[in-house]
Amino acid sequence: RIGKNTFINHACSCVDMGGVTIGN
């Protein structure tokens, strides 16, 4: 899950079976 007004630069890796939450 990804929030608002967020910036994610190149080559981010989300290994997410356990859940990844990125806020605002």
PDB file of all heavy atoms in Angstrom:
ATOM      1  N   ARG A   1       0.858  -1.186   0.000  1.00  0.00           N
ATOM      2  CA  ARG A   1       0.000   0.000   0.000  1.00  0.00           C
ATOM      3  C   ARG A   1       0.894   1.236   0.000  1.00  0.00           C
ATOM      4  O   ARG A   1       1.888   1.297   0.726  1.00  0.00           O
ATOM      5  CB  ARG A   1      -0.937   0.019   1.206  1.00  0.00           C
ATOM      6  CG  ARG A   1      -2.062  -1.016   1.089  1.00  0.00           C
ATOM      7  CD  ARG A   1      -2.968  -0.713  -0.083  1.00  0.00           C
ATOM      8  NE  ARG A   1      -3.984  -1.723  -0.333  1.00  0.00           N
ATOM      9  CZ  ARG A   1      -3.874  -2.701  -1.211  1.00  0.00           C
ATOM     10  NH1 ARG A   1      -2.743  -2.835  -1.900  1.00  0.00           N
ATOM     11  NH2 ARG A   1      -4.839  -3.557  -1.402  1.00  0.00           N
ATOM     12  N   ILE A   2       0.527   2.231  -0.825  1.00  0.00           N
ATOM     13  CA  ILE A   2       1.350   3.426  -1.031  1.00  0.00           C
ATOM     14  C   ILE A   2       0.492   4.662  -0.833  1.00  0.00           C
ATOM     15  O   ILE A   2      -0.601   4.763  -1.407  1.00  0.00           O
ATOM     16  CB  ILE A   2       1.972   3.429  -2.447  1.00  0.00           C
ATOM     17  CG1 ILE A   2       2.842   2.180  -2.654  1.00  0.00           C
ATOM     18  CG2 ILE A   2       2.802   4.692  -2.667  1.00  0.00           C
ATOM     19  CD1 ILE A   2       3.350   2.007  -4.074  1.00  0.00           C
ATOM     20  N   GLY A   3       0.983   5.611  -0.039  1.00  0.00           N
ATOM     21  CA  GLY A   3       0.220   6.806   0.287  1.00  0.00           C
ATOM     22  C   GLY A   3       0.345   7.922  -0.739  1.00  0.00           C
ATOM     23  O   GLY A   3       0.854   7.736  -1.850  1.00  0.00           O
ATOM     24  N   LYS A   4      -0.109   9.096  -0.336  1.00  0.00           N
ATOM     25  CA  LYS A   4      -0.156  10.265  -1.212  1.00  0.00           C
ATOM     26  C   LYS A   4       1.111  11.110  -1.089  1.00  0.00           C
ATOM     27  O   LYS A   4       1.790  11.095  -0.055  1.00  0.00           O
ATOM     28  CB  LYS A   4      -1.370  11.128  -0.865  1.00  0.00           C
ATOM     29  CG  LYS A   4      -2.712  10.428  -1.058  1.00  0.00           C
ATOM     30  CD  LYS A   4      -3.862  11.343  -0.658  1.00  0.00           C
ATOM     31  CE  LYS A   4      -5.210  10.653  -0.868  1.00  0.00           C
ATOM     32  NZ  LYS A   4      -6.339  11.524  -0.476  1.00  0.00           N
ATOM     33  N   ASN A   5       1.399  11.849  -2.160  1.00  0.00           N
ATOM     34  CA  ASN A   5       2.509  12.810  -2.174  1.00  0.00           C
ATOM     35  C   ASN A   5       3.826  12.161  -1.758  1.00  0.00           C
ATOM     36  O   ASN A   5       4.641  12.752  -1.049  1.00  0.00           O
ATOM     37  CB  ASN A   5       2.194  14.008  -1.266  1.00  0.00           C
ATOM     38  CG  ASN A   5       3.088  15.189  -1.561  1.00  0.00           C
ATOM     39  OD1 ASN A   5       3.427  15.461  -2.712  1.00  0.00           O
ATOM     40  ND2 ASN A   5       3.487  15.896  -0.515  1.00  0.00           N
ATOM     41  N   THR A   6       4.024  10.952  -2.220  1.00  0.00           N
ATOM     42  CA  THR A   6       5.220  10.168  -1.892  1.00  0.00           C
ATOM     43  C   THR A   6       6.095  10.046  -3.135  1.00  0.00           C
ATOM     44  O   THR A   6       5.580   9.983  -4.253  1.00  0.00           O
ATOM     45  CB  THR A   6       4.805   8.790  -1.344  1.00  0.00           C
ATOM     46  OG1 THR A   6       4.398   8.949   0.015  1.00  0.00           O
ATOM     47  CG2 THR A   6       5.899   7.760  -1.431  1.00  0.00           C
ATOM     48  N   PHE A   7       7.406  10.017  -2.942  1.00  0.00           N
ATOM     49  CA  PHE A   7       8.350   9.857  -4.049  1.00  0.00           C
ATOM     50  C   PHE A   7       9.207   8.637  -3.807  1.00  0.00           C
ATOM     51  O   PHE A   7       9.836   8.503  -2.748  1.00  0.00           O
ATOM     52  CB  PHE A   7       9.241  11.094  -4.197  1.00  0.00           C
ATOM     53  CG  PHE A   7      10.304  10.932  -5.255  1.00  0.00           C
ATOM     54  CD1 PHE A   7       9.976  10.956  -6.595  1.00  0.00           C
ATOM     55  CD2 PHE A   7      11.626  10.728  -4.894  1.00  0.00           C
ATOM     56  CE1 PHE A   7      10.943  10.785  -7.578  1.00  0.00           C
ATOM     57  CE2 PHE A   7      12.606  10.563  -5.863  1.00  0.00           C
ATOM     58  CZ  PHE A   7      12.265  10.593  -7.211  1.00  0.00           C
ATOM     59  N   ILE A   8       9.234   7.728  -4.779  1.00  0.00           N
ATOM     60  CA  ILE A   8      10.048   6.515  -4.704  1.00  0.00           C
ATOM     61  C   ILE A   8      10.998   6.528  -5.887  1.00  0.00           C
ATOM     62  O   ILE A   8      10.571   6.500  -7.046  1.00  0.00           O
ATOM     63  CB  ILE A   8       9.168   5.249  -4.731  1.00  0.00           C
ATOM     64  CG1 ILE A   8       8.182   5.269  -3.555  1.00  0.00           C
ATOM     65  CG2 ILE A   8      10.031   3.996  -4.686  1.00  0.00           C
ATOM     66  CD1 ILE A   8       7.178   4.126  -3.567  1.00  0.00           C
ATOM     67  N   ASN A   9      12.288   6.565  -5.602  1.00  0.00           N
ATOM     68  CA  ASN A   9      13.289   6.675  -6.658  1.00  0.00           C
ATOM     69  C   ASN A   9      13.570   5.305  -7.288  1.00  0.00           C
ATOM     70  O   ASN A   9      12.989   4.294  -6.914  1.00  0.00           O
ATOM     71  CB  ASN A   9      14.570   7.299  -6.091  1.00  0.00           C
ATOM     72  CG  ASN A   9      15.282   8.180  -7.091  1.00  0.00           C
ATOM     73  OD1 ASN A   9      15.367   7.861  -8.267  1.00  0.00           O
ATOM     74  ND2 ASN A   9      15.824   9.296  -6.623  1.00  0.00           N
ATOM     75  N   HIS A  10      14.520   5.297  -8.239  1.00  0.00           N
ATOM     76  CA  HIS A  10      14.810   4.115  -9.036  1.00  0.00           C
ATOM     77  C   HIS A  10      15.176   2.899  -8.187  1.00  0.00           C
ATOM     78  O   HIS A  10      15.828   3.007  -7.156  1.00  0.00           O
ATOM     79  CB  HIS A  10      16.001   4.384  -9.971  1.00  0.00           C
ATOM     80  CG  HIS A  10      15.782   5.502 -10.925  1.00  0.00           C
ATOM     81  ND1 HIS A  10      14.990   5.396 -12.044  1.00  0.00           N
ATOM     82  CD2 HIS A  10      16.251   6.774 -10.935  1.00  0.00           C
ATOM     83  CE1 HIS A  10      14.986   6.550 -12.704  1.00  0.00           C
ATOM     84  NE2 HIS A  10      15.738   7.398 -12.053  1.00  0.00           N
ATOM     85  N   ALA A  11      14.754   1.719  -8.675  1.00  0.00           N
ATOM     86  CA  ALA A  11      15.234   0.414  -8.188  1.00  0.00           C
ATOM     87  C   ALA A  11      14.843   0.111  -6.755  1.00  0.00           C
ATOM     88  O   ALA A  11      15.577  -0.572  -6.035  1.00  0.00           O
ATOM     89  CB  ALA A  11      16.751   0.301  -8.361  1.00  0.00           C
ATOM     90  N   CYS A  12      13.663   0.568  -6.351  1.00  0.00           N
ATOM     91  CA  CYS A  12      13.132   0.165  -5.047  1.00  0.00           C
ATOM     92  C   CYS A  12      12.662  -1.284  -5.143  1.00  0.00           C
ATOM     93  O   CYS A  12      12.020  -1.691  -6.108  1.00  0.00           O
ATOM     94  CB  CYS A  12      11.971   1.059  -4.644  1.00  0.00           C
ATOM     95  SG  CYS A  12      11.230   0.625  -3.048  1.00  0.00           S
ATOM     96  N   SER A  13      12.985  -2.078  -4.128  1.00  0.00           N
ATOM     97  CA  SER A  13      12.574  -3.472  -4.074  1.00  0.00           C
ATOM     98  C   SER A  13      11.666  -3.683  -2.875  1.00  0.00           C
ATOM     99  O   SER A  13      12.068  -3.447  -1.735  1.00  0.00           O
ATOM    100  CB  SER A  13      13.801  -4.380  -3.971  1.00  0.00           C
ATOM    101  OG  SER A  13      13.419  -5.734  -3.938  1.00  0.00           O
ATOM    102  N   CYS A  14      10.418  -4.105  -3.152  1.00  0.00           N
ATOM    103  CA  CYS A  14       9.454  -4.392  -2.092  1.00  0.00           C
ATOM    104  C   CYS A  14       9.197  -5.896  -2.062  1.00  0.00           C
ATOM    105  O   CYS A  14       8.495  -6.429  -2.927  1.00  0.00           O
ATOM    106  CB  CYS A  14       8.142  -3.658  -2.340  1.00  0.00           C
ATOM    107  SG  CYS A  14       8.161  -1.922  -1.904  1.00  0.00           S
ATOM    108  N   VAL A  15       9.778  -6.562  -1.090  1.00  0.00           N
ATOM    109  CA  VAL A  15       9.540  -7.991  -0.882  1.00  0.00           C
ATOM    110  C   VAL A  15       8.354  -8.062   0.079  1.00  0.00           C
ATOM    111  O   VAL A  15       8.514  -7.920   1.287  1.00  0.00           O
ATOM    112  CB  VAL A  15      10.799  -8.669  -0.323  1.00  0.00           C
ATOM    113  CG1 VAL A  15      10.588 -10.163  -0.184  1.00  0.00           C
ATOM    114  CG2 VAL A  15      12.000  -8.382  -1.224  1.00  0.00           C
ATOM    115  N   ASP A  16       7.152  -8.245  -0.493  1.00  0.00           N
ATOM    116  CA  ASP A  16       5.956  -7.811   0.226  1.00  0.00           C
ATOM    117  C   ASP A  16       5.002  -8.898   0.709  1.00  0.00           C
ATOM    118  O   ASP A  16       3.886  -8.587   1.125  1.00  0.00           O
ATOM    119  CB  ASP A  16       5.166  -6.832  -0.648  1.00  0.00           C
ATOM    120  CG  ASP A  16       4.477  -7.500  -1.834  1.00  0.00           C
ATOM    121  OD1 ASP A  16       5.198  -8.030  -2.705  1.00  0.00           O
ATOM    122  OD2 ASP A  16       3.241  -7.485  -1.892  1.00  0.00           O
ATOM    123  N   MET A  17       5.408 -10.162   0.713  1.00  0.00           N
ATOM    124  CA  MET A  17       4.459 -11.175   1.183  1.00  0.00           C
ATOM    125  C   MET A  17       4.037 -10.936   2.627  1.00  0.00           C
ATOM    126  O   MET A  17       2.937 -11.285   3.034  1.00  0.00           O
ATOM    127  CB  MET A  17       5.039 -12.574   1.015  1.00  0.00           C
ATOM    128  CG  MET A  17       5.084 -13.024  -0.431  1.00  0.00           C
ATOM    129  SD  MET A  17       5.492 -14.768  -0.580  1.00  0.00           S
ATOM    130  CE  MET A  17       5.685 -14.885  -2.364  1.00  0.00           C
ATOM    131  N   GLY A  18       4.922 -10.334   3.423  1.00  0.00           N
ATOM    132  CA  GLY A  18       4.584 -10.005   4.802  1.00  0.00           C
ATOM    133  C   GLY A  18       3.928  -8.648   4.969  1.00  0.00           C
ATOM    134  O   GLY A  18       3.559  -8.274   6.084  1.00  0.00           O
ATOM    135  N   GLY A  19       3.763  -7.914   3.863  1.00  0.00           N
ATOM    136  CA  GLY A  19       3.099  -6.612   3.912  1.00  0.00           C
ATOM    137  C   GLY A  19       4.070  -5.454   3.957  1.00  0.00           C
ATOM    138  O   GLY A  19       4.984  -5.431   4.789  1.00  0.00           O
ATOM    139  N   VAL A  20       3.897  -4.495   3.039  1.00  0.00           N
ATOM    140  CA  VAL A  20       4.682  -3.261   3.015  1.00  0.00           C
ATOM    141  C   VAL A  20       3.717  -2.091   2.882  1.00  0.00           C
ATOM    142  O   VAL A  20       2.953  -2.024   1.915  1.00  0.00           O
ATOM    143  CB  VAL A  20       5.693  -3.245   1.848  1.00  0.00           C
ATOM    144  CG1 VAL A  20       6.376  -1.878   1.757  1.00  0.00           C
ATOM    145  CG2 VAL A  20       6.732  -4.344   2.005  1.00  0.00           C
ATOM    146  N   THR A  21       3.743  -1.202   3.851  1.00  0.00           N
ATOM    147  CA  THR A  21       2.895   0.000   3.832  1.00  0.00           C
ATOM    148  C   THR A  21       3.785   1.229   3.831  1.00  0.00           C
ATOM    149  O   THR A  21       4.633   1.386   4.711  1.00  0.00           O
ATOM    150  CB  THR A  21       1.962   0.038   5.050  1.00  0.00           C
ATOM    151  OG1 THR A  21       1.110  -1.118   5.027  1.00  0.00           O
ATOM    152  CG2 THR A  21       1.096   1.295   5.025  1.00  0.00           C
ATOM    153  N   ILE A  22       3.586   2.082   2.827  1.00  0.00           N
ATOM    154  CA  ILE A  22       4.341   3.326   2.683  1.00  0.00           C
ATOM    155  C   ILE A  22       3.353   4.468   2.843  1.00  0.00           C
ATOM    156  O   ILE A  22       2.342   4.544   2.130  1.00  0.00           O
ATOM    157  CB  ILE A  22       5.027   3.388   1.307  1.00  0.00           C
ATOM    158  CG1 ILE A  22       5.998   2.201   1.145  1.00  0.00           C
ATOM    159  CG2 ILE A  22       5.769   4.707   1.121  1.00  0.00           C
ATOM    160  CD1 ILE A  22       6.530   2.017  -0.261  1.00  0.00           C
ATOM    161  N   GLY A  23       3.610   5.369   3.778  1.00  0.00           N
ATOM    162  CA  GLY A  23       2.657   6.417   4.116  1.00  0.00           C
ATOM    163  C   GLY A  23       2.662   7.595   3.166  1.00  0.00           C
ATOM    164  O   GLY A  23       3.123   7.508   2.018  1.00  0.00           O
ATOM    165  N   ASN A  24       2.164   8.708   3.657  1.00  0.00           N
ATOM    166  CA  ASN A  24       2.069   9.946   2.897  1.00  0.00           C
ATOM    167  C   ASN A  24       3.343  10.781   3.062  1.00  0.00           C
ATOM    168  O   ASN A  24       3.999  10.737   4.111  1.00  0.00           O
ATOM    169  CB  ASN A  24       0.874  10.777   3.368  1.00  0.00           C
ATOM    170  CG  ASN A  24      -0.436  10.029   3.248  1.00  0.00           C
ATOM    171  OD1 ASN A  24      -0.705   9.366   2.258  1.00  0.00           O
ATOM    172  ND2 ASN A  24      -1.270  10.129   4.279  1.00  0.00           N
TER     173      ASN A  24
END
